[in-house]
């Protein structure tokens, strides 16, 4: 899966406010907060970028689907199913 951010970029300290009970339980389980946040942010970025791409390409996708319905696909002659 391609990276959507520079994984070699330097780290930057930041302040966050989170639920105190959630923080306490995470610390008791030795959960790496920085890594967990980075993974969650990456997942959210992927979702947002995917949704943006679909929105920006909605017309082209619809037109290609219509063309495929009308004319078929190049590979139709090679299908076994």
Protein backbone atom coordinates (compact mmCIF):
# COMPACT_ATOMS: atom_id res chain seq x y z
CA UNK A 1 0.00 0.00 0.00
CA UNK A 2 1.57 3.32 -1.01
CA UNK A 3 2.41 5.84 1.68
CA UNK A 4 0.25 8.96 1.76
CA UNK A 5 2.71 10.93 3.87
CA UNK A 6 6.48 11.24 4.28
CA UNK A 7 7.35 8.52 6.80
CA UNK A 8 10.85 9.97 7.15
CA UNK A 9 9.63 13.44 8.14
CA UNK A 10 10.72 14.59 11.56
CA UNK A 11 8.46 14.20 14.56
CA UNK A 12 6.75 17.27 15.96
CA UNK A 13 5.54 17.62 19.54
CA UNK A 14 1.91 18.57 19.93
CA UNK A 15 -0.62 18.94 22.72
CA UNK A 16 -3.80 16.90 22.72
CA UNK A 17 -6.76 16.70 25.03
CA UNK A 18 -8.22 13.23 25.41
CA UNK A 19 -10.52 11.48 27.83
CA UNK A 20 -8.62 10.91 31.09
CA UNK A 21 -10.00 7.39 31.61
CA UNK A 22 -9.08 6.41 28.07
CA UNK A 23 -5.56 7.74 28.58
CA UNK A 24 -5.19 5.94 31.90
CA UNK A 25 -6.28 2.60 30.46
CA UNK A 26 -4.01 3.00 27.43
CA UNK A 27 -1.02 3.75 29.64
CA UNK A 28 -1.74 0.75 31.87
CA UNK A 29 -1.61 -1.43 28.75
CA UNK A 30 1.61 0.25 27.54
CA UNK A 31 -0.04 1.39 24.32
CA UNK A 32 2.25 3.62 22.29
CA UNK A 33 0.12 6.75 21.99
CA UNK A 34 2.17 8.37 19.22
CA UNK A 35 2.16 5.27 17.02
CA UNK A 36 -1.54 4.65 17.67
CA UNK A 37 -2.43 8.23 16.74
CA UNK A 38 -0.28 8.08 13.61
CA UNK A 39 -2.01 4.87 12.49
CA UNK A 40 -5.45 6.32 13.19
CA UNK A 41 -4.63 9.56 11.34
CA UNK A 42 -3.27 7.65 8.36
CA UNK A 43 -6.44 5.56 8.19
CA UNK A 44 -8.61 8.67 8.39
CA UNK A 45 -6.54 10.43 5.73
CA UNK A 46 -6.94 7.44 3.41
CA UNK A 47 -10.72 7.50 3.89
CA UNK A 48 -10.98 11.23 3.26
CA UNK A 49 -8.71 11.11 0.21
CA UNK A 50 -10.66 8.12 -1.16
CA UNK A 51 -13.96 9.94 -0.72
CA UNK A 52 -12.53 13.09 -2.34
CA UNK A 53 -11.22 11.07 -5.28
CA UNK A 54 -14.57 9.34 -5.78
CA UNK A 55 -16.38 12.68 -5.61
CA UNK A 56 -13.97 14.33 -8.07
CA UNK A 57 -14.21 11.41 -10.50
CA UNK A 58 -17.90 10.59 -10.14
CA UNK A 59 -18.85 11.82 -13.63
CA UNK A 60 -16.03 9.96 -15.36
CA UNK A 61 -16.85 6.75 -13.48
CA UNK A 62 -20.53 7.01 -14.45
CA UNK A 63 -19.63 7.65 -18.10
CA UNK A 64 -17.26 4.69 -18.19
CA UNK A 65 -19.89 2.44 -16.62
CA UNK A 66 -22.46 3.58 -19.19
CA UNK A 67 -20.00 2.95 -22.03
CA UNK A 68 -19.24 -0.53 -20.68
CA UNK A 69 -22.95 -1.32 -20.44
CA UNK A 70 -23.57 -0.17 -24.02
CA UNK A 71 -20.46 -1.51 -25.75
CA UNK A 72 -19.21 -4.21 -23.39
CA UNK A 73 -15.62 -4.67 -22.32
CA UNK A 74 -12.59 -5.55 -24.42
CA UNK A 75 -12.08 -8.69 -22.35
CA UNK A 76 -15.66 -9.98 -22.72
CA UNK A 77 -14.64 -12.38 -25.47
CA UNK A 78 -12.09 -14.02 -23.15
CA UNK A 79 -14.34 -14.55 -20.14
CA UNK A 80 -15.10 -18.10 -19.02
CA UNK A 81 -17.86 -17.06 -16.62
